[in-house]
Amino acid sequence: MAKATAKITSKSQLVLPKAVREQLDVRPGDTLIFDYGPKGVRIEKAAIDDDPFATFHEWASEADDEAYRDL
């Protein structure tokens, strides 16, 4: 397993090293998942959701489905 380092800024930000960005195939705007526990942290690229309305869970009730079924 390869290693890379990054320094955390005073605003708790860090820049992913180029080798890590390339390994994860991430670009600006992508989302990362941090899976962490007592043994360490694993970082992976989040899957892209093809449904652009997936984040609007508050509009996902049966009443909404019925009201907008014919649109």
Protein backbone atom coordinates (compact mmCIF):
# COMPACT_ATOMS: atom_id res chain seq x y z
CA MET A 1 0.00 0.00 0.00
CA ALA A 2 1.35 3.42 -0.97
CA LYS A 3 1.52 6.36 1.44
CA ALA A 4 1.02 10.10 1.01
CA THR A 5 0.95 13.04 3.40
CA ALA A 6 -1.11 16.21 3.63
CA LYS A 7 -1.05 19.03 6.16
CA ILE A 8 -4.29 20.27 7.75
CA THR A 9 -4.74 24.06 7.57
CA SER A 10 -5.91 26.32 10.40
CA LYS A 11 -9.42 25.97 8.91
CA SER A 12 -9.22 22.14 9.18
CA GLN A 13 -8.90 21.80 5.41
CA LEU A 14 -6.44 19.71 3.46
CA VAL A 15 -5.43 19.18 -0.13
CA LEU A 16 -5.53 15.59 -1.33
CA PRO A 17 -2.16 14.71 -2.80
CA LYS A 18 -2.16 14.24 -6.58
CA ALA A 19 -1.47 10.51 -6.29
CA VAL A 20 -4.53 10.08 -4.04
CA ARG A 21 -6.75 12.16 -6.36
CA GLU A 22 -5.64 10.04 -9.28
CA GLN A 23 -6.14 6.77 -7.38
CA LEU A 24 -9.68 7.79 -6.37
CA ASP A 25 -10.36 9.40 -9.77
CA VAL A 26 -11.80 12.50 -8.07
CA ARG A 27 -12.35 15.93 -9.52
CA PRO A 28 -13.63 19.24 -8.08
CA GLY A 29 -17.23 18.81 -6.97
CA ASP A 30 -16.98 15.06 -6.33
CA THR A 31 -18.03 13.70 -2.95
CA LEU A 32 -15.86 11.51 -0.74
CA ILE A 33 -16.96 9.04 1.91
CA PHE A 34 -14.89 8.75 5.10
CA ASP A 35 -15.34 5.33 6.73
CA TYR A 36 -13.65 5.55 10.11
CA GLY A 37 -13.27 3.52 13.28
CA PRO A 38 -10.74 2.60 15.92
CA LYS A 39 -8.35 1.05 13.37
CA GLY A 40 -8.18 4.08 11.05
CA VAL A 41 -9.90 5.84 8.16
CA ARG A 42 -10.76 4.64 4.67
CA ILE A 43 -11.58 7.20 1.97
CA GLU A 44 -13.54 6.34 -1.14
CA LYS A 45 -15.29 8.22 -3.91
CA ALA A 46 -19.06 8.36 -3.49
CA ALA A 47 -21.14 6.87 -6.27
CA ILE A 48 -22.96 9.31 -8.52
CA ASP A 49 -26.72 9.11 -8.10
CA ASP A 50 -28.46 9.25 -11.47
CA ASP A 51 -31.65 10.62 -9.90
CA PRO A 52 -31.26 14.42 -9.67
CA PHE A 53 -34.25 14.56 -7.29
CA ALA A 54 -32.93 11.93 -4.86
CA THR A 55 -31.95 14.63 -2.36
CA PHE A 56 -35.53 15.91 -2.19
CA HIS A 57 -36.67 13.17 0.18
CA GLU A 58 -39.24 15.50 1.76
CA TRP A 59 -41.23 15.22 -1.49
CA ALA A 60 -41.21 11.44 -1.53
CA SER A 61 -44.48 10.68 0.25
CA GLU A 62 -47.34 8.64 -1.20
CA ALA A 63 -49.49 11.80 -1.17
CA ASP A 64 -46.94 13.57 -3.37
CA ASP A 65 -46.75 10.62 -5.74
CA GLU A 66 -50.54 10.67 -6.07
CA ALA A 67 -50.76 14.43 -6.51
CA TYR A 68 -48.13 14.56 -9.26
CA ARG A 69 -48.79 11.21 -10.96
CA ASP A 70 -50.32 12.76 -14.12
CA LEU A 71 -47.67 15.42 -14.73
